[in-house]
Amino acid sequence: MGFPIFCKSFVPSAGESLVTIGYNIPIICGGILINPGDYVFGDDDGVVVIPQNRLEEILSLAEKIEDSERKIMKYLKEGHKLTEAVGKYRIK
């Protein structure tokens, strides 16, 4: 189906039956606790887990960071120094 897969290793199952331990239970993956309802996002840079109760807060912050980075890039393309751009557009 073309879904990207992130893993440290794998175990082929050669047609053997797999045992289900449970559904909608907390798990630990890569040392990180993931609860039912949490959001897990991954791309070529890595994987992040966002607790369900912090989604709105994290999305708002991510939008501010993206806006700040866009402004910094535009400022740099205009010929300004990075220290000036970061000083002017960093998130406070």
N, C-alpha and C. Protein backbone atom coordinates (compact mmCIF):
# COMPACT_ATOMS: atom_id res chain seq x y z
N MET A 1 0.81 -1.19 0.00
CA MET A 1 0.00 0.00 0.00
C MET A 1 0.86 1.26 0.00
N GLY A 2 2.17 1.13 0.06
CA GLY A 2 3.03 2.29 -0.04
C GLY A 2 3.23 3.06 1.25
N PHE A 3 2.82 2.51 2.39
CA PHE A 3 3.04 3.20 3.66
C PHE A 3 4.50 3.09 4.05
N PRO A 4 5.10 4.20 4.53
CA PRO A 4 6.48 4.09 5.01
C PRO A 4 6.50 3.32 6.33
N ILE A 5 7.57 2.61 6.56
CA ILE A 5 7.71 1.81 7.78
C ILE A 5 8.98 2.24 8.49
N PHE A 6 8.89 2.49 9.78
CA PHE A 6 10.04 2.86 10.58
C PHE A 6 10.28 1.74 11.59
N CYS A 7 11.49 1.21 11.61
CA CYS A 7 11.78 0.14 12.55
C CYS A 7 13.28 0.06 12.81
N LYS A 8 13.62 -0.52 13.94
CA LYS A 8 15.02 -0.74 14.28
C LYS A 8 15.48 -2.08 13.71
N SER A 9 14.59 -3.04 13.71
CA SER A 9 14.87 -4.36 13.15
C SER A 9 13.53 -5.02 12.84
N PHE A 10 13.57 -6.23 12.31
CA PHE A 10 12.33 -6.93 12.01
C PHE A 10 12.52 -8.42 12.25
N VAL A 11 11.39 -9.12 12.38
CA VAL A 11 11.40 -10.56 12.55
C VAL A 11 10.41 -11.14 11.54
N PRO A 12 10.91 -11.86 10.52
CA PRO A 12 9.97 -12.45 9.56
C PRO A 12 9.11 -13.52 10.23
N SER A 13 7.86 -13.64 9.78
CA SER A 13 6.95 -14.58 10.44
C SER A 13 6.60 -15.78 9.60
N ALA A 14 7.24 -16.07 8.54
CA ALA A 14 7.11 -17.29 7.73
C ALA A 14 5.79 -18.03 7.87
N GLY A 15 4.66 -17.30 7.88
CA GLY A 15 3.36 -17.93 7.90
C GLY A 15 2.91 -18.45 9.26
N GLU A 16 3.67 -18.21 10.30
CA GLU A 16 3.27 -18.68 11.63
C GLU A 16 2.17 -17.77 12.18
N SER A 17 1.38 -18.34 13.08
CA SER A 17 0.34 -17.54 13.73
C SER A 17 0.98 -16.57 14.70
N LEU A 18 0.45 -15.34 14.71
CA LEU A 18 0.91 -14.35 15.67
C LEU A 18 -0.11 -14.25 16.80
N VAL A 19 0.35 -14.00 17.99
CA VAL A 19 -0.52 -13.92 19.15
C VAL A 19 -0.79 -12.45 19.45
N THR A 20 -2.06 -12.08 19.57
CA THR A 20 -2.43 -10.72 19.94
C THR A 20 -2.46 -10.63 21.46
N ILE A 21 -1.75 -9.63 21.98
CA ILE A 21 -1.70 -9.45 23.44
C ILE A 21 -2.83 -8.56 23.90
N GLY A 22 -3.17 -7.55 23.12
CA GLY A 22 -4.25 -6.66 23.52
C GLY A 22 -4.48 -5.56 22.51
N TYR A 23 -5.56 -4.83 22.69
CA TYR A 23 -5.92 -3.70 21.85
C TYR A 23 -6.07 -2.47 22.74
N ASN A 24 -5.74 -1.30 22.18
CA ASN A 24 -5.92 -0.04 22.90
C ASN A 24 -5.28 -0.08 24.29
N ILE A 25 -4.03 -0.52 24.32
CA ILE A 25 -3.28 -0.54 25.57
C ILE A 25 -2.01 0.29 25.39
N PRO A 26 -1.48 0.86 26.46
CA PRO A 26 -0.22 1.60 26.34
C PRO A 26 0.90 0.65 25.93
N ILE A 27 1.82 1.17 25.11
CA ILE A 27 3.00 0.39 24.72
C ILE A 27 4.24 1.27 24.89
N ILE A 28 5.37 0.64 24.95
CA ILE A 28 6.63 1.37 24.94
C ILE A 28 7.36 0.98 23.67
N CYS A 29 7.71 1.99 22.87
CA CYS A 29 8.39 1.77 21.61
C CYS A 29 9.60 2.71 21.57
N GLY A 30 10.78 2.14 21.46
CA GLY A 30 11.99 2.96 21.45
C GLY A 30 12.18 3.72 22.74
N GLY A 31 11.68 3.16 23.83
CA GLY A 31 11.81 3.81 25.13
C GLY A 31 10.78 4.90 25.39
N ILE A 32 9.83 5.08 24.47
CA ILE A 32 8.81 6.12 24.58
C ILE A 32 7.45 5.47 24.85
N LEU A 33 6.76 5.98 25.86
CA LEU A 33 5.41 5.50 26.17
C LEU A 33 4.42 6.07 25.16
N ILE A 34 3.65 5.20 24.54
CA ILE A 34 2.61 5.61 23.59
C ILE A 34 1.28 5.08 24.12
N ASN A 35 0.37 6.01 24.37
CA ASN A 35 -0.95 5.65 24.89
C ASN A 35 -1.96 5.60 23.76
N PRO A 36 -3.05 4.84 23.93
CA PRO A 36 -4.11 4.85 22.93
C PRO A 36 -4.58 6.28 22.69
N GLY A 37 -4.73 6.67 21.43
CA GLY A 37 -5.17 8.02 21.10
C GLY A 37 -4.04 8.98 20.83
N ASP A 38 -2.79 8.64 21.19
CA ASP A 38 -1.66 9.50 20.88
C ASP A 38 -1.43 9.50 19.38
N TYR A 39 -0.76 10.55 18.91
CA TYR A 39 -0.46 10.69 17.49
C TYR A 39 1.01 10.38 17.25
N VAL A 40 1.29 9.55 16.26
CA VAL A 40 2.66 9.19 15.90
C VAL A 40 2.88 9.61 14.46
N PHE A 41 3.88 10.49 14.26
CA PHE A 41 4.21 10.98 12.93
C PHE A 41 5.66 10.64 12.63
N GLY A 42 5.94 10.26 11.40
CA GLY A 42 7.31 9.95 11.02
C GLY A 42 7.61 10.41 9.61
N ASP A 43 8.87 10.79 9.40
CA ASP A 43 9.35 11.11 8.06
C ASP A 43 10.82 10.74 8.00
N ASP A 44 11.52 11.21 6.97
CA ASP A 44 12.92 10.85 6.80
C ASP A 44 13.81 11.36 7.93
N ASP A 45 13.34 12.35 8.69
CA ASP A 45 14.12 12.92 9.79
C ASP A 45 13.93 12.19 11.11
N GLY A 46 12.86 11.42 11.22
CA GLY A 46 12.62 10.71 12.47
C GLY A 46 11.15 10.53 12.76
N VAL A 47 10.85 10.15 13.99
CA VAL A 47 9.49 9.86 14.42
C VAL A 47 9.22 10.65 15.69
N VAL A 48 8.01 11.18 15.80
CA VAL A 48 7.62 11.93 17.00
C VAL A 48 6.28 11.41 17.49
N VAL A 49 6.13 11.38 18.81
CA VAL A 49 4.87 10.97 19.44
C VAL A 49 4.29 12.19 20.14
N ILE A 50 3.04 12.52 19.81
CA ILE A 50 2.36 13.65 20.44
C ILE A 50 1.20 13.11 21.28
N PRO A 51 1.26 13.36 22.59
CA PRO A 51 0.13 12.92 23.44
C PRO A 51 -1.17 13.58 22.98
N GLN A 52 -2.24 12.83 23.00
CA GLN A 52 -3.53 13.30 22.51
C GLN A 52 -3.95 14.60 23.19
N ASN A 53 -3.68 14.73 24.48
CA ASN A 53 -4.13 15.92 25.21
C ASN A 53 -3.27 17.16 24.93
N ARG A 54 -2.20 17.04 24.14
CA ARG A 54 -1.34 18.18 23.82
C ARG A 54 -1.33 18.51 22.32
N LEU A 55 -2.19 17.85 21.55
CA LEU A 55 -2.17 18.01 20.09
C LEU A 55 -2.36 19.47 19.67
N GLU A 56 -3.38 20.15 20.18
CA GLU A 56 -3.65 21.53 19.77
C GLU A 56 -2.47 22.44 20.10
N GLU A 57 -1.90 22.28 21.29
CA GLU A 57 -0.75 23.07 21.72
C GLU A 57 0.44 22.86 20.79
N ILE A 58 0.74 21.60 20.47
CA ILE A 58 1.89 21.26 19.63
C ILE A 58 1.66 21.74 18.19
N LEU A 59 0.46 21.59 17.66
CA LEU A 59 0.17 22.07 16.31
C LEU A 59 0.32 23.58 16.21
N SER A 60 -0.15 24.30 17.22
CA SER A 60 -0.01 25.75 17.24
C SER A 60 1.46 26.16 17.25
N LEU A 61 2.26 25.51 18.08
CA LEU A 61 3.69 25.80 18.14
C LEU A 61 4.38 25.46 16.82
N ALA A 62 4.02 24.34 16.22
CA ALA A 62 4.61 23.93 14.94
C ALA A 62 4.31 24.96 13.84
N GLU A 63 3.09 25.49 13.83
CA GLU A 63 2.74 26.51 12.85
C GLU A 63 3.57 27.78 13.06
N LYS A 64 3.78 28.17 14.31
CA LYS A 64 4.61 29.34 14.62
C LYS A 64 6.05 29.12 14.17
N ILE A 65 6.57 27.93 14.41
CA ILE A 65 7.95 27.60 13.99
C ILE A 65 8.06 27.65 12.47
N GLU A 66 7.09 27.05 11.78
CA GLU A 66 7.13 27.05 10.31
C GLU A 66 7.07 28.48 9.77
N ASP A 67 6.22 29.32 10.33
CA ASP A 67 6.12 30.72 9.90
C ASP A 67 7.43 31.45 10.15
N SER A 68 8.02 31.24 11.31
CA SER A 68 9.30 31.87 11.65
C SER A 68 10.40 31.44 10.68
N GLU A 69 10.47 30.14 10.38
CA GLU A 69 11.50 29.63 9.47
C GLU A 69 11.30 30.18 8.05
N ARG A 70 10.05 30.32 7.64
CA ARG A 70 9.77 30.88 6.31
C ARG A 70 10.26 32.33 6.23
N LYS A 71 10.01 33.10 7.28
CA LYS A 71 10.45 34.50 7.32
C LYS A 71 11.98 34.59 7.35
N ILE A 72 12.61 33.71 8.12
CA ILE A 72 14.08 33.71 8.19
C ILE A 72 14.67 33.41 6.82
N MET A 73 14.14 32.41 6.12
CA MET A 73 14.65 32.06 4.79
C MET A 73 14.50 33.22 3.82
N LYS A 74 13.36 33.89 3.84
CA LYS A 74 13.13 35.04 2.96
C LYS A 74 14.13 36.15 3.28
N TYR A 75 14.34 36.41 4.54
CA TYR A 75 15.27 37.45 4.99
C TYR A 75 16.69 37.13 4.55
N LEU A 76 17.08 35.85 4.66
CA LEU A 76 18.42 35.44 4.22
C LEU A 76 18.58 35.61 2.71
N LYS A 77 17.55 35.26 1.95
CA LYS A 77 17.61 35.39 0.49
C LYS A 77 17.71 36.86 0.06
N GLU A 78 17.28 37.76 0.93
CA GLU A 78 17.40 39.20 0.66
C GLU A 78 18.81 39.71 0.95
N GLY A 79 19.67 38.80 1.46
CA GLY A 79 21.07 39.17 1.68
C GLY A 79 21.46 39.50 3.11
N HIS A 80 20.55 39.30 4.04
CA HIS A 80 20.85 39.61 5.44
C HIS A 80 21.61 38.46 6.10
N LYS A 81 22.24 38.74 7.22
CA LYS A 81 23.00 37.74 7.97
C LYS A 81 22.06 36.85 8.78
N LEU A 82 22.52 35.61 9.00
CA LEU A 82 21.72 34.65 9.76
C LEU A 82 21.46 35.16 11.18
N THR A 83 22.47 35.74 11.83
CA THR A 83 22.28 36.23 13.20
C THR A 83 21.20 37.31 13.24
N GLU A 84 21.15 38.15 12.22
CA GLU A 84 20.09 39.18 12.16
C GLU A 84 18.73 38.55 11.96
N ALA A 85 18.67 37.58 11.05
CA ALA A 85 17.40 36.92 10.74
C ALA A 85 16.84 36.20 11.95
N VAL A 86 17.70 35.47 12.64
CA VAL A 86 17.25 34.72 13.83
C VAL A 86 16.84 35.70 14.93
N GLY A 87 17.62 36.77 15.11
CA GLY A 87 17.27 37.76 16.11
C GLY A 87 15.94 38.43 15.84
N LYS A 88 15.64 38.64 14.58
CA LYS A 88 14.42 39.33 14.20
C LYS A 88 13.19 38.42 14.21
N TYR A 89 13.35 37.16 13.81
CA TYR A 89 12.19 36.28 13.60
C TYR A 89 12.12 35.07 14.51
N ARG A 90 13.02 34.91 15.44
CA ARG A 90 12.95 33.72 16.31
C ARG A 90 11.68 33.76 17.16
N ILE A 91 11.23 32.61 17.55
CA ILE A 91 10.03 32.50 18.38
C ILE A 91 10.42 32.77 19.82
N LYS A 92 9.69 33.65 20.45
CA LYS A 92 10.00 34.04 21.83
C LYS A 92 9.06 33.40 22.80
